[in-house]
PDB file of N, CA and C in Angstrom:
ATOM      1  N   MET A   1       0.850  -1.180   0.005  1.00  0.00           N
ATOM      2  CA  MET A   1      -0.015   0.011   0.001  1.00  0.00           C
ATOM      3  C   MET A   1       0.867   1.242   0.005  1.00  0.00           C
ATOM      4  N   LYS A   2       1.072   1.841  -1.125  1.00  0.00           N
ATOM      5  CA  LYS A   2       1.831   3.072  -1.207  1.00  0.00           C
ATOM      6  C   LYS A   2       0.882   4.246  -1.334  1.00  0.00           C
ATOM      7  N   TYR A   3       1.218   5.273  -0.577  1.00  0.00           N
ATOM      8  CA  TYR A   3       0.433   6.503  -0.591  1.00  0.00           C
ATOM      9  C   TYR A   3       1.394   7.695  -0.670  1.00  0.00           C
ATOM     10  N   VAL A   4       0.844   8.853  -1.094  1.00  0.00           N
ATOM     11  CA  VAL A   4       1.607  10.087  -1.123  1.00  0.00           C
ATOM     12  C   VAL A   4       0.728  11.164  -0.435  1.00  0.00           C
ATOM     13  N   TYR A   5       1.258  11.694   0.668  1.00  0.00           N
ATOM     14  CA  TYR A   5       0.503  12.659   1.466  1.00  0.00           C
ATOM     15  C   TYR A   5       1.139  14.056   1.397  1.00  0.00           C
ATOM     16  N   PRO A   6       0.291  15.076   1.344  1.00  0.00           N
ATOM     17  CA  PRO A   6       0.833  16.447   1.419  1.00  0.00           C
ATOM     18  C   PRO A   6       1.227  16.796   2.842  1.00  0.00           C
ATOM     19  N   ILE A   7       2.302  17.567   2.999  1.00  0.00           N
ATOM     20  CA  ILE A   7       2.749  18.048   4.297  1.00  0.00           C
ATOM     21  C   ILE A   7       3.095  19.510   4.194  1.00  0.00           C
ATOM     22  N   LEU A   8       3.124  20.175   5.301  1.00  0.00           N
ATOM     23  CA  LEU A   8       3.488  21.588   5.378  1.00  0.00           C
ATOM     24  C   LEU A   8       4.641  21.732   6.343  1.00  0.00           C
ATOM     25  N   LEU A   9       5.749  22.313   5.886  1.00  0.00           N
ATOM     26  CA  LEU A   9       6.955  22.497   6.703  1.00  0.00           C
ATOM     27  C   LEU A   9       7.073  23.990   7.029  1.00  0.00           C
ATOM     28  N   THR A  10       7.152  24.283   8.310  1.00  0.00           N
ATOM     29  CA  THR A  10       7.322  25.667   8.779  1.00  0.00           C
ATOM     30  C   THR A  10       8.630  25.806   9.478  1.00  0.00           C
ATOM     31  N   PRO A  11       9.513  26.733   8.984  1.00  0.00           N
ATOM     32  CA  PRO A  11      10.790  26.917   9.660  1.00  0.00           C
ATOM     33  C   PRO A  11      10.587  27.401  11.126  1.00  0.00           C
ATOM     34  N   CYS A  12      11.472  26.927  12.026  1.00  0.00           N
ATOM     35  CA  CYS A  12      11.482  27.367  13.411  1.00  0.00           C
ATOM     36  C   CYS A  12      12.931  27.389  13.888  1.00  0.00           C
ATOM     37  N   GLU A  13      13.115  27.814  15.106  1.00  0.00           N
ATOM     38  CA  GLU A  13      14.494  27.983  15.623  1.00  0.00           C
ATOM     39  C   GLU A  13      15.294  26.675  15.609  1.00  0.00           C
ATOM     40  N   SER A  14      14.620  25.569  15.835  1.00  0.00           N
ATOM     41  CA  SER A  14      15.329  24.270  15.900  1.00  0.00           C
ATOM     42  C   SER A  14      15.254  23.476  14.595  1.00  0.00           C
ATOM     43  N   GLY A  15      14.733  24.040  13.520  1.00  0.00           N
ATOM     44  CA  GLY A  15      14.649  23.349  12.248  1.00  0.00           C
ATOM     45  C   GLY A  15      13.327  23.585  11.536  1.00  0.00           C
ATOM     46  N   TYR A  16      12.466  22.586  11.515  1.00  0.00           N
ATOM     47  CA  TYR A  16      11.159  22.688  10.876  1.00  0.00           C
ATOM     48  C   TYR A  16      10.097  21.976  11.686  1.00  0.00           C
ATOM     49  N   VAL A  17       8.952  22.616  11.742  1.00  0.00           N
ATOM     50  CA  VAL A  17       7.748  21.969  12.278  1.00  0.00           C
ATOM     51  C   VAL A  17       6.979  21.434  11.086  1.00  0.00           C
ATOM     52  N   VAL A  18       6.508  20.221  11.210  1.00  0.00           N
ATOM     53  CA  VAL A  18       5.801  19.581  10.056  1.00  0.00           C
ATOM     54  C   VAL A  18       4.347  19.312  10.479  1.00  0.00           C
ATOM     55  N   TYR A  19       3.432  19.687   9.576  1.00  0.00           N
ATOM     56  CA  TYR A  19       2.013  19.396   9.786  1.00  0.00           C
ATOM     57  C   TYR A  19       1.546  18.461   8.680  1.00  0.00           C
ATOM     58  N   VAL A  20       0.880  17.413   9.076  1.00  0.00           N
ATOM     59  CA  VAL A  20       0.307  16.421   8.139  1.00  0.00           C
ATOM     60  C   VAL A  20      -1.218  16.517   8.238  1.00  0.00           C
ATOM     61  N   PRO A  21      -1.852  17.254   7.366  1.00  0.00           N
ATOM     62  CA  PRO A  21      -3.285  17.520   7.484  1.00  0.00           C
ATOM     63  C   PRO A  21      -4.167  16.286   7.413  1.00  0.00           C
ATOM     64  N   ASP A  22      -3.795  15.286   6.599  1.00  0.00           N
ATOM     65  CA  ASP A  22      -4.657  14.109   6.445  1.00  0.00           C
ATOM     66  C   ASP A  22      -4.725  13.286   7.712  1.00  0.00           C
ATOM     67  N   PHE A  23      -3.768  13.402   8.583  1.00  0.00           N
ATOM     68  CA  PHE A  23      -3.758  12.757   9.869  1.00  0.00           C
ATOM     69  C   PHE A  23      -3.960  13.710  11.068  1.00  0.00           C
ATOM     70  N   ASP A  24      -3.947  14.996  10.728  1.00  0.00           N
ATOM     71  CA  ASP A  24      -4.026  16.057  11.737  1.00  0.00           C
ATOM     72  C   ASP A  24      -2.972  15.841  12.829  1.00  0.00           C
ATOM     73  N   ILE A  25      -1.730  15.667  12.388  1.00  0.00           N
ATOM     74  CA  ILE A  25      -0.613  15.445  13.332  1.00  0.00           C
ATOM     75  C   ILE A  25       0.521  16.417  13.011  1.00  0.00           C
ATOM     76  N   ASN A  26       1.354  16.629  14.000  1.00  0.00           N
ATOM     77  CA  ASN A  26       2.568  17.465  13.858  1.00  0.00           C
ATOM     78  C   ASN A  26       3.779  16.627  14.287  1.00  0.00           C
ATOM     79  N   THR A  27       4.917  16.999  13.708  1.00  0.00           N
ATOM     80  CA  THR A  27       6.210  16.470  14.102  1.00  0.00           C
ATOM     81  C   THR A  27       7.219  17.528  13.804  1.00  0.00           C
ATOM     82  N   GLU A  28       8.484  17.250  13.983  1.00  0.00           N
ATOM     83  CA  GLU A  28       9.508  18.261  13.665  1.00  0.00           C
ATOM     84  C   GLU A  28      10.830  17.557  13.351  1.00  0.00           C
ATOM     85  N   GLY A  29      11.679  18.308  12.690  1.00  0.00           N
ATOM     86  CA  GLY A  29      13.010  17.811  12.359  1.00  0.00           C
ATOM     87  C   GLY A  29      14.028  18.920  12.385  1.00  0.00           C
ATOM     88  N   ALA A  30      15.287  18.578  12.614  1.00  0.00           N
ATOM     89  CA  ALA A  30      16.331  19.543  12.750  1.00  0.00           C
ATOM     90  C   ALA A  30      16.750  20.158  11.407  1.00  0.00           C
ATOM     91  N   SER A  31      16.546  19.410  10.354  1.00  0.00           N
ATOM     92  CA  SER A  31      16.871  19.875   8.977  1.00  0.00           C
ATOM     93  C   SER A  31      15.698  19.542   8.061  1.00  0.00           C
ATOM     94  N   LEU A  32      15.750  20.037   6.841  1.00  0.00           N
ATOM     95  CA  LEU A  32      14.668  19.742   5.902  1.00  0.00           C
ATOM     96  C   LEU A  32      14.555  18.224   5.659  1.00  0.00           C
ATOM     97  N   SER A  33      15.673  17.537   5.420  1.00  0.00           N
ATOM     98  CA  SER A  33      15.585  16.081   5.194  1.00  0.00           C
ATOM     99  C   SER A  33      15.139  15.356   6.443  1.00  0.00           C
ATOM    100  N   ASP A  34      15.579  15.783   7.598  1.00  0.00           N
ATOM    101  CA  ASP A  34      15.161  15.169   8.862  1.00  0.00           C
ATOM    102  C   ASP A  34      13.658  15.357   9.046  1.00  0.00           C
ATOM    103  N   ALA A  35      13.166  16.553   8.778  1.00  0.00           N
ATOM    104  CA  ALA A  35      11.711  16.856   8.944  1.00  0.00           C
ATOM    105  C   ALA A  35      10.892  15.983   8.007  1.00  0.00           C
ATOM    106  N   ILE A  36      11.307  15.801   6.792  1.00  0.00           N
ATOM    107  CA  ILE A  36      10.583  14.976   5.846  1.00  0.00           C
ATOM    108  C   ILE A  36      10.598  13.519   6.306  1.00  0.00           C
ATOM    109  N   GLY A  37      11.752  13.044   6.811  1.00  0.00           N
ATOM    110  CA  GLY A  37      11.827  11.692   7.352  1.00  0.00           C
ATOM    111  C   GLY A  37      10.958  11.504   8.550  1.00  0.00           C
ATOM    112  N   MET A  38      10.915  12.521   9.430  1.00  0.00           N
ATOM    113  CA  MET A  38      10.055  12.473  10.619  1.00  0.00           C
ATOM    114  C   MET A  38       8.584  12.444  10.207  1.00  0.00           C
ATOM    115  N   ALA A  39       8.230  13.190   9.158  1.00  0.00           N
ATOM    116  CA  ALA A  39       6.845  13.153   8.657  1.00  0.00           C
ATOM    117  C   ALA A  39       6.473  11.768   8.169  1.00  0.00           C
ATOM    118  N   ARG A  40       7.389  11.149   7.414  1.00  0.00           N
ATOM    119  CA  ARG A  40       7.137   9.782   6.911  1.00  0.00           C
ATOM    120  C   ARG A  40       6.967   8.833   8.084  1.00  0.00           C
ATOM    121  N   ASP A  41       7.827   8.978   9.102  1.00  0.00           N
ATOM    122  CA  ASP A  41       7.736   8.109  10.280  1.00  0.00           C
ATOM    123  C   ASP A  41       6.419   8.343  11.033  1.00  0.00           C
ATOM    124  N   ALA A  42       6.027   9.577  11.221  1.00  0.00           N
ATOM    125  CA  ALA A  42       4.783   9.885  11.910  1.00  0.00           C
ATOM    126  C   ALA A  42       3.575   9.329  11.149  1.00  0.00           C
ATOM    127  N   ILE A  43       3.569   9.492   9.828  1.00  0.00           N
ATOM    128  CA  ILE A  43       2.470   8.952   9.024  1.00  0.00           C
ATOM    129  C   ILE A  43       2.449   7.420   9.120  1.00  0.00           C
ATOM    130  N   GLY A  44       3.633   6.796   9.051  1.00  0.00           N
ATOM    131  CA  GLY A  44       3.713   5.324   9.125  1.00  0.00           C
ATOM    132  C   GLY A  44       3.207   4.845  10.464  1.00  0.00           C
ATOM    133  N   ALA A  45       3.636   5.479  11.561  1.00  0.00           N
ATOM    134  CA  ALA A  45       3.205   5.040  12.893  1.00  0.00           C
ATOM    135  C   ALA A  45       1.688   5.203  13.083  1.00  0.00           C
ATOM    136  N   CYS A  46       1.147   6.320  12.624  1.00  0.00           N
ATOM    137  CA  CYS A  46      -0.291   6.542  12.697  1.00  0.00           C
ATOM    138  C   CYS A  46      -1.060   5.505  11.864  1.00  0.00           C
ATOM    139  N   GLY A  47      -0.552   5.266  10.632  1.00  0.00           N
ATOM    140  CA  GLY A  47      -1.217   4.330   9.758  1.00  0.00           C
ATOM    141  C   GLY A  47      -1.254   2.900  10.354  1.00  0.00           C
ATOM    142  N   LEU A  48      -0.128   2.474  10.915  1.00  0.00           N
ATOM    143  CA  LEU A  48      -0.083   1.129  11.537  1.00  0.00           C
ATOM    144  C   LEU A  48      -1.033   1.054  12.727  1.00  0.00           C
ATOM    145  N   SER A  49      -1.092   2.119  13.519  1.00  0.00           N
ATOM    146  CA  SER A  49      -1.975   2.121  14.662  1.00  0.00           C
ATOM    147  C   SER A  49      -3.424   2.023  14.204  1.00  0.00           C
ATOM    148  N   LEU A  50      -3.778   2.720  13.139  1.00  0.00           N
ATOM    149  CA  LEU A  50      -5.135   2.617  12.610  1.00  0.00           C
ATOM    150  C   LEU A  50      -5.432   1.212  12.081  1.00  0.00           C
ATOM    151  N   GLN A  51      -4.465   0.644  11.356  1.00  0.00           N
ATOM    152  CA  GLN A  51      -4.666  -0.726  10.883  1.00  0.00           C
ATOM    153  C   GLN A  51      -4.873  -1.698  12.038  1.00  0.00           C
ATOM    154  N   ASP A  52      -4.079  -1.563  13.086  1.00  0.00           N
ATOM    155  CA  ASP A  52      -4.161  -2.456  14.226  1.00  0.00           C
ATOM    156  C   ASP A  52      -5.509  -2.327  14.947  1.00  0.00           C
ATOM    157  N   LEU A  53      -6.099  -1.136  14.880  1.00  0.00           N
ATOM    158  CA  LEU A  53      -7.416  -0.860  15.472  1.00  0.00           C
ATOM    159  C   LEU A  53      -8.564  -1.212  14.525  1.00  0.00           C
ATOM    160  N   LYS A  54      -8.201  -1.806  13.330  1.00  0.00           N
ATOM    161  CA  LYS A  54      -9.159  -2.158  12.295  1.00  0.00           C
ATOM    162  C   LYS A  54      -9.893  -0.935  11.749  1.00  0.00           C
ATOM    163  N   LYS A  55      -9.199   0.177  11.697  1.00  0.00           N
ATOM    164  CA  LYS A  55      -9.764   1.421  11.110  1.00  0.00           C
ATOM    165  C   LYS A  55      -9.066   1.684   9.788  1.00  0.00           C
ATOM    166  N   GLU A  56      -9.708   2.475   8.978  1.00  0.00           N
ATOM    167  CA  GLU A  56      -9.141   2.794   7.648  1.00  0.00           C
ATOM    168  C   GLU A  56      -8.081   3.851   7.758  1.00  0.00           C
ATOM    169  N   ILE A  57      -7.053   3.702   6.973  1.00  0.00           N
ATOM    170  CA  ILE A  57      -6.010   4.750   6.827  1.00  0.00           C
ATOM    171  C   ILE A  57      -6.615   5.840   5.951  1.00  0.00           C
ATOM    172  N   PRO A  58      -6.470   7.105   6.328  1.00  0.00           N
ATOM    173  CA  PRO A  58      -7.004   8.160   5.497  1.00  0.00           C
ATOM    174  C   PRO A  58      -6.400   8.153   4.092  1.00  0.00           C
ATOM    175  N   GLN A  59      -7.278   8.375   3.108  1.00  0.00           N
ATOM    176  CA  GLN A  59      -6.770   8.529   1.761  1.00  0.00           C
ATOM    177  C   GLN A  59      -6.059   9.889   1.625  1.00  0.00           C
ATOM    178  N   PRO A  60      -4.996   9.939   0.862  1.00  0.00           N
ATOM    179  CA  PRO A  60      -4.329  11.224   0.707  1.00  0.00           C
ATOM    180  C   PRO A  60      -5.270  12.263   0.046  1.00  0.00           C
ATOM    181  N   SER A  61      -5.209  13.464   0.588  1.00  0.00           N
ATOM    182  CA  SER A  61      -6.039  14.517   0.015  1.00  0.00           C
ATOM    183  C   SER A  61      -5.399  14.964  -1.293  1.00  0.00           C
ATOM    184  N   THR A  62      -6.221  15.479  -2.162  1.00  0.00           N
ATOM    185  CA  THR A  62      -5.763  15.926  -3.448  1.00  0.00           C
ATOM    186  C   THR A  62      -5.608  17.460  -3.471  1.00  0.00           C
ATOM    187  N   ILE A  63      -5.854  18.074  -2.345  1.00  0.00           N
ATOM    188  CA  ILE A  63      -5.767  19.535  -2.316  1.00  0.00           C
ATOM    189  C   ILE A  63      -4.314  20.014  -2.273  1.00  0.00           C
ATOM    190  N   VAL A  64      -4.121  21.172  -2.843  1.00  0.00           N
ATOM    191  CA  VAL A  64      -2.820  21.839  -2.721  1.00  0.00           C
ATOM    192  C   VAL A  64      -2.887  22.654  -1.439  1.00  0.00           C
ATOM    193  N   LEU A  65      -1.868  22.496  -0.613  1.00  0.00           N
ATOM    194  CA  LEU A  65      -1.852  23.179   0.699  1.00  0.00           C
ATOM    195  C   LEU A  65      -1.564  24.675   0.519  1.00  0.00           C
ATOM    196  N   ASP A  66      -2.430  25.481   1.109  1.00  0.00           N
ATOM    197  CA  ASP A  66      -2.136  26.911   1.187  1.00  0.00           C
ATOM    198  C   ASP A  66      -0.981  27.077   2.156  1.00  0.00           C
ATOM    199  N   HIS A  67      -0.083  27.965   1.851  1.00  0.00           N
ATOM    200  CA  HIS A  67       1.017  28.173   2.764  1.00  0.00           C
ATOM    201  C   HIS A  67       1.509  29.614   2.669  1.00  0.00           C
ATOM    202  N   LYS A  68       2.126  30.041   3.761  1.00  0.00           N
ATOM    203  CA  LYS A  68       2.652  31.404   3.855  1.00  0.00           C
ATOM    204  C   LYS A  68       4.041  31.431   3.281  1.00  0.00           C
ATOM    205  N   GLU A  69       4.509  32.637   3.038  1.00  0.00           N
ATOM    206  CA  GLU A  69       5.891  32.812   2.542  1.00  0.00           C
ATOM    207  C   GLU A  69       6.848  32.224   3.566  1.00  0.00           C
ATOM    208  N   GLY A  70       7.825  31.479   3.083  1.00  0.00           N
ATOM    209  CA  GLY A  70       8.805  30.834   3.966  1.00  0.00           C
ATOM    210  C   GLY A  70       8.437  29.391   4.303  1.00  0.00           C
ATOM    211  N   GLU A  71       7.150  29.032   4.234  1.00  0.00           N
ATOM    212  CA  GLU A  71       6.728  27.678   4.472  1.00  0.00           C
ATOM    213  C   GLU A  71       6.902  26.862   3.200  1.00  0.00           C
ATOM    214  N   ILE A  72       6.998  25.532   3.381  1.00  0.00           N
ATOM    215  CA  ILE A  72       7.169  24.650   2.228  1.00  0.00           C
ATOM    216  C   ILE A  72       6.037  23.645   2.211  1.00  0.00           C
ATOM    217  N   ALA A  73       5.282  23.629   1.148  1.00  0.00           N
ATOM    218  CA  ALA A  73       4.271  22.609   0.913  1.00  0.00           C
ATOM    219  C   ALA A  73       4.845  21.570  -0.004  1.00  0.00           C
ATOM    220  N   THR A  74       4.864  20.308   0.426  1.00  0.00           N
ATOM    221  CA  THR A  74       5.433  19.251  -0.406  1.00  0.00           C
ATOM    222  C   THR A  74       4.701  17.935  -0.166  1.00  0.00           C
ATOM    223  N   LEU A  75       5.231  16.882  -0.726  1.00  0.00           N
ATOM    224  CA  LEU A  75       4.585  15.580  -0.605  1.00  0.00           C
ATOM    225  C   LEU A  75       5.569  14.577   0.018  1.00  0.00           C
ATOM    226  N   VAL A  76       5.009  13.596   0.769  1.00  0.00           N
ATOM    227  CA  VAL A  76       5.783  12.504   1.335  1.00  0.00           C
ATOM    228  C   VAL A  76       5.144  11.217   0.953  1.00  0.00           C
ATOM    229  N   ASP A  77       5.982  10.261   0.448  1.00  0.00           N
ATOM    230  CA  ASP A  77       5.424   8.948   0.126  1.00  0.00           C
ATOM    231  C   ASP A  77       5.668   7.992   1.262  1.00  0.00           C
ATOM    232  N   ILE A  78       4.811   6.996   1.372  1.00  0.00           N
ATOM    233  CA  ILE A  78       4.905   5.990   2.416  1.00  0.00           C
ATOM    234  C   ILE A  78       4.356   4.647   1.880  1.00  0.00           C
ATOM    235  N   ASP A  79       5.071   3.600   2.103  1.00  0.00           N
ATOM    236  CA  ASP A  79       4.593   2.250   1.837  1.00  0.00           C
ATOM    237  C   ASP A  79       4.315   1.605   3.164  1.00  0.00           C
ATOM    238  N   PHE A  80       3.036   1.492   3.532  1.00  0.00           N
ATOM    239  CA  PHE A  80       2.678   1.013   4.847  1.00  0.00           C
ATOM    240  C   PHE A  80       3.136  -0.423   5.126  1.00  0.00           C
ATOM    241  N   ASP A  81       3.091  -1.270   4.071  1.00  0.00           N
ATOM    242  CA  ASP A  81       3.529  -2.642   4.239  1.00  0.00           C
ATOM    243  C   ASP A  81       5.046  -2.698   4.571  1.00  0.00           C
ATOM    244  N   ALA A  82       5.816  -1.949   3.802  1.00  0.00           N
ATOM    245  CA  ALA A  82       7.287  -1.901   4.035  1.00  0.00           C
ATOM    246  C   ALA A  82       7.563  -1.273   5.407  1.00  0.00           C
ATOM    247  N   TYR A  83       6.783  -0.266   5.774  1.00  0.00           N
ATOM    248  CA  TYR A  83       6.997   0.388   7.067  1.00  0.00           C
ATOM    249  C   TYR A  83       6.759  -0.574   8.197  1.00  0.00           C
ATOM    250  N   ARG A  84       5.722  -1.401   8.053  1.00  0.00           N
ATOM    251  CA  ARG A  84       5.419  -2.377   9.106  1.00  0.00           C
ATOM    252  C   ARG A  84       6.545  -3.416   9.203  1.00  0.00           C
ATOM    253  N   ARG A  85       7.035  -3.914   8.075  1.00  0.00           N
ATOM    254  CA  ARG A  85       8.111  -4.914   8.074  1.00  0.00           C
ATOM    255  C   ARG A  85       9.361  -4.361   8.755  1.00  0.00           C
ATOM    256  N   ALA A  86       9.623  -3.061   8.511  1.00  0.00           N
ATOM    257  CA  ALA A  86      10.851  -2.455   9.072  1.00  0.00           C
ATOM    258  C   ALA A  86      10.725  -2.073  10.504  1.00  0.00           C
ATOM    259  N   ASN A  87       9.506  -1.757  10.984  1.00  0.00           N
ATOM    260  CA  ASN A  87       9.360  -1.147  12.299  1.00  0.00           C
ATOM    261  C   ASN A  87       8.532  -1.887  13.306  1.00  0.00           C
ATOM    262  N   ASP A  88       7.715  -2.824  12.858  1.00  0.00           N
ATOM    263  CA  ASP A  88       6.882  -3.582  13.833  1.00  0.00           C
ATOM    264  C   ASP A  88       7.610  -4.851  14.213  1.00  0.00           C
ATOM    265  N   LEU A  89       8.427  -4.753  15.249  1.00  0.00           N
ATOM    266  CA  LEU A  89       9.275  -5.850  15.635  1.00  0.00           C
ATOM    267  C   LEU A  89       8.738  -6.595  16.863  1.00  0.00           C
ATOM    268  N   ARG A  90       7.459  -6.410  17.151  1.00  0.00           N
ATOM    269  CA  ARG A  90       6.876  -7.117  18.288  1.00  0.00           C
ATOM    270  C   ARG A  90       6.964  -8.609  18.036  1.00  0.00           C
ATOM    271  N   THR A  91       7.099  -9.382  19.053  1.00  0.00           N
ATOM    272  CA  THR A  91       7.050 -10.839  18.885  1.00  0.00           C
ATOM    273  C   THR A  91       5.737 -11.370  19.520  1.00  0.00           C
ATOM    274  N   ILE A  92       5.268 -12.429  18.942  1.00  0.00           N
ATOM    275  CA  ILE A  92       4.061 -13.083  19.466  1.00  0.00           C
ATOM    276  C   ILE A  92       4.363 -14.549  19.646  1.00  0.00           C
ATOM    277  N   ARG A  93       3.628 -15.172  20.535  1.00  0.00           N
ATOM    278  CA  ARG A  93       3.801 -16.583  20.820  1.00  0.00           C
ATOM    279  C   ARG A  93       2.839 -17.410  19.991  1.00  0.00           C
ATOM    280  N   LYS A  94       3.371 -18.441  19.359  1.00  0.00           N
ATOM    281  CA  LYS A  94       2.553 -19.378  18.573  1.00  0.00           C
ATOM    282  C   LYS A  94       2.852 -20.797  19.102  1.00  0.00           C
ATOM    283  N   ASN A  95       1.836 -21.569  19.211  1.00  0.00           N
ATOM    284  CA  ASN A  95       1.945 -22.965  19.644  1.00  0.00           C
ATOM    285  C   ASN A  95       1.946 -23.827  18.392  1.00  0.00           C
ATOM    286  N   VAL A  96       2.964 -24.656  18.250  1.00  0.00           N
ATOM    287  CA  VAL A  96       3.032 -25.555  17.058  1.00  0.00           C
ATOM    288  C   VAL A  96       3.036 -27.032  17.514  1.00  0.00           C
ATOM    289  N   THR A  97       2.628 -27.864  16.629  1.00  0.00           N
ATOM    290  CA  THR A  97       2.566 -29.288  16.909  1.00  0.00           C
ATOM    291  C   THR A  97       3.559 -30.016  16.014  1.00  0.00           C
ATOM    292  N   LEU A  98       4.398 -30.847  16.614  1.00  0.00           N
ATOM    293  CA  LEU A  98       5.415 -31.605  15.874  1.00  0.00           C
ATOM    294  C   LEU A  98       5.361 -33.055  16.290  1.00  0.00           C
ATOM    295  N   PRO A  99       5.808 -33.948  15.406  1.00  0.00           N
ATOM    296  CA  PRO A  99       5.952 -35.336  15.863  1.00  0.00           C
ATOM    297  C   PRO A  99       7.048 -35.410  16.929  1.00  0.00           C
ATOM    298  N   SER A 100       6.841 -36.199  17.933  1.00  0.00           N
ATOM    299  CA  SER A 100       7.786 -36.228  19.063  1.00  0.00           C
ATOM    300  C   SER A 100       9.187 -36.580  18.626  1.00  0.00           C
ATOM    301  N   TRP A 101       9.341 -37.499  17.653  1.00  0.00           N
ATOM    302  CA  TRP A 101      10.686 -37.855  17.214  1.00  0.00           C
ATOM    303  C   TRP A 101      11.425 -36.679  16.595  1.00  0.00           C
ATOM    304  N   LEU A 102      10.662 -35.808  15.864  1.00  0.00           N
ATOM    305  CA  LEU A 102      11.257 -34.673  15.214  1.00  0.00           C
ATOM    306  C   LEU A 102      11.696 -33.621  16.256  1.00  0.00           C
ATOM    307  N   ALA A 103      10.829 -33.391  17.237  1.00  0.00           N
ATOM    308  CA  ALA A 103      11.153 -32.452  18.314  1.00  0.00           C
ATOM    309  C   ALA A 103      12.403 -32.943  19.093  1.00  0.00           C
ATOM    310  N   TYR A 104      12.463 -34.239  19.345  1.00  0.00           N
ATOM    311  CA  TYR A 104      13.582 -34.815  20.056  1.00  0.00           C
ATOM    312  C   TYR A 104      14.905 -34.584  19.285  1.00  0.00           C
ATOM    313  N   GLU A 105      14.881 -34.903  17.996  1.00  0.00           N
ATOM    314  CA  GLU A 105      16.092 -34.742  17.158  1.00  0.00           C
ATOM    315  C   GLU A 105      16.512 -33.283  17.094  1.00  0.00           C
ATOM    316  N   ALA A 106      15.554 -32.404  16.944  1.00  0.00           N
ATOM    317  CA  ALA A 106      15.846 -30.957  16.855  1.00  0.00           C
ATOM    318  C   ALA A 106      16.449 -30.437  18.162  1.00  0.00           C
ATOM    319  N   GLU A 107      15.865 -30.862  19.273  1.00  0.00           N
ATOM    320  CA  GLU A 107      16.384 -30.433  20.589  1.00  0.00           C
ATOM    321  C   GLU A 107      17.773 -30.990  20.814  1.00  0.00           C
ATOM    322  N   ARG A 108      17.999 -32.212  20.397  1.00  0.00           N
ATOM    323  CA  ARG A 108      19.332 -32.872  20.550  1.00  0.00           C
ATOM    324  C   ARG A 108      20.376 -32.115  19.769  1.00  0.00           C
ATOM    325  N   GLU A 109      20.002 -31.515  18.641  1.00  0.00           N
ATOM    326  CA  GLU A 109      20.932 -30.754  17.811  1.00  0.00           C
ATOM    327  C   GLU A 109      20.991 -29.280  18.217  1.00  0.00           C
ATOM    328  N   GLY A 110      20.194 -28.876  19.208  1.00  0.00           N
ATOM    329  CA  GLY A 110      20.211 -27.491  19.649  1.00  0.00           C
ATOM    330  C   GLY A 110      19.544 -26.522  18.683  1.00  0.00           C
ATOM    331  N   VAL A 111      18.539 -27.002  17.954  1.00  0.00           N
ATOM    332  CA  VAL A 111      17.844 -26.165  16.987  1.00  0.00           C
ATOM    333  C   VAL A 111      17.015 -25.088  17.711  1.00  0.00           C
ATOM    334  N   ASN A 112      17.091 -23.888  17.219  1.00  0.00           N
ATOM    335  CA  ASN A 112      16.269 -22.808  17.729  1.00  0.00           C
ATOM    336  C   ASN A 112      14.952 -22.840  16.965  1.00  0.00           C
ATOM    337  N   PHE A 113      13.895 -23.331  17.572  1.00  0.00           N
ATOM    338  CA  PHE A 113      12.616 -23.524  16.902  1.00  0.00           C
ATOM    339  C   PHE A 113      12.042 -22.229  16.342  1.00  0.00           C
ATOM    340  N   SER A 114      12.145 -21.148  17.086  1.00  0.00           N
ATOM    341  CA  SER A 114      11.634 -19.862  16.639  1.00  0.00           C
ATOM    342  C   SER A 114      12.344 -19.389  15.385  1.00  0.00           C
ATOM    343  N   GLN A 115      13.658 -19.503  15.389  1.00  0.00           N
ATOM    344  CA  GLN A 115      14.443 -19.085  14.224  1.00  0.00           C
ATOM    345  C   GLN A 115      14.106 -19.903  12.996  1.00  0.00           C
ATOM    346  N   VAL A 116      14.011 -21.231  13.180  1.00  0.00           N
ATOM    347  CA  VAL A 116      13.688 -22.098  12.026  1.00  0.00           C
ATOM    348  C   VAL A 116      12.309 -21.773  11.487  1.00  0.00           C
ATOM    349  N   LEU A 117      11.341 -21.530  12.367  1.00  0.00           N
ATOM    350  CA  LEU A 117       9.979 -21.202  11.916  1.00  0.00           C
ATOM    351  C   LEU A 117       9.969 -19.855  11.189  1.00  0.00           C
ATOM    352  N   GLN A 118      10.684 -18.867  11.709  1.00  0.00           N
ATOM    353  CA  GLN A 118      10.730 -17.568  11.026  1.00  0.00           C
ATOM    354  C   GLN A 118      11.380 -17.726   9.633  1.00  0.00           C
ATOM    355  N   GLU A 119      12.464 -18.448   9.567  1.00  0.00           N
ATOM    356  CA  GLU A 119      13.175 -18.646   8.274  1.00  0.00           C
ATOM    357  C   GLU A 119      12.238 -19.374   7.292  1.00  0.00           C
ATOM    358  N   GLY A 120      11.539 -20.385   7.782  1.00  0.00           N
ATOM    359  CA  GLY A 120      10.633 -21.140   6.897  1.00  0.00           C
ATOM    360  C   GLY A 120       9.483 -20.314   6.415  1.00  0.00           C
ATOM    361  N   LEU A 121       8.905 -19.511   7.299  1.00  0.00           N
ATOM    362  CA  LEU A 121       7.772 -18.649   6.895  1.00  0.00           C
ATOM    363  C   LEU A 121       8.238 -17.609   5.892  1.00  0.00           C
ATOM    364  N   LYS A 122       9.412 -17.018   6.099  1.00  0.00           N
ATOM    365  CA  LYS A 122       9.930 -16.012   5.166  1.00  0.00           C
ATOM    366  C   LYS A 122      10.156 -16.651   3.802  1.00  0.00           C
ATOM    367  N   ALA A 123      10.685 -17.871   3.777  1.00  0.00           N
ATOM    368  CA  ALA A 123      10.936 -18.575   2.485  1.00  0.00           C
ATOM    369  C   ALA A 123       9.613 -18.879   1.822  1.00  0.00           C
ATOM    370  N   LYS A 124       8.643 -19.339   2.591  1.00  0.00           N
ATOM    371  CA  LYS A 124       7.350 -19.729   2.050  1.00  0.00           C
ATOM    372  C   LYS A 124       6.619 -18.528   1.463  1.00  0.00           C
ATOM    373  N   LEU A 125       6.769 -17.345   2.134  1.00  0.00           N
ATOM    374  CA  LEU A 125       6.066 -16.129   1.738  1.00  0.00           C
ATOM    375  C   LEU A 125       6.883 -15.240   0.815  1.00  0.00           C
ATOM    376  N   ASN A 126       8.086 -15.733   0.408  1.00  0.00           N
ATOM    377  CA  ASN A 126       9.012 -14.964  -0.449  1.00  0.00           C
ATOM    378  C   ASN A 126       9.307 -13.596   0.113  1.00  0.00           C
ATOM    379  N   LEU A 127       9.596 -13.521   1.408  1.00  0.00           N
ATOM    380  CA  LEU A 127       9.932 -12.237   2.042  1.00  0.00           C
ATOM    381  C   LEU A 127      11.409 -12.148   2.319  1.00  0.00           C
TER     382      LEU A 127
END
């Protein structure tokens, strides 16, 4: 899911304040590139929170942002699926069933079950 959202950057003493109207959120960055990165991160975090709450992510507005002299109106792209893969590092517990002989052999060899399952799932899902 790739989206492109408009943002408004306002210069301040410490860099830039960023407003993301589609999410009605603010963030800031020390430089222009930092501010744009912080906007992408804020949009990603809000989007994942909405997904986790089973709510819809706002569609990007098509309006051109009005802005004052010195402010910068620009766009930020975000891929919510890639953002989740890179930033949602929570772990969850899953119960699996194995034949006892296989579990015995794996334990005898010191196999890390979680690691093998993760590797297998990534291979199966082409991730």
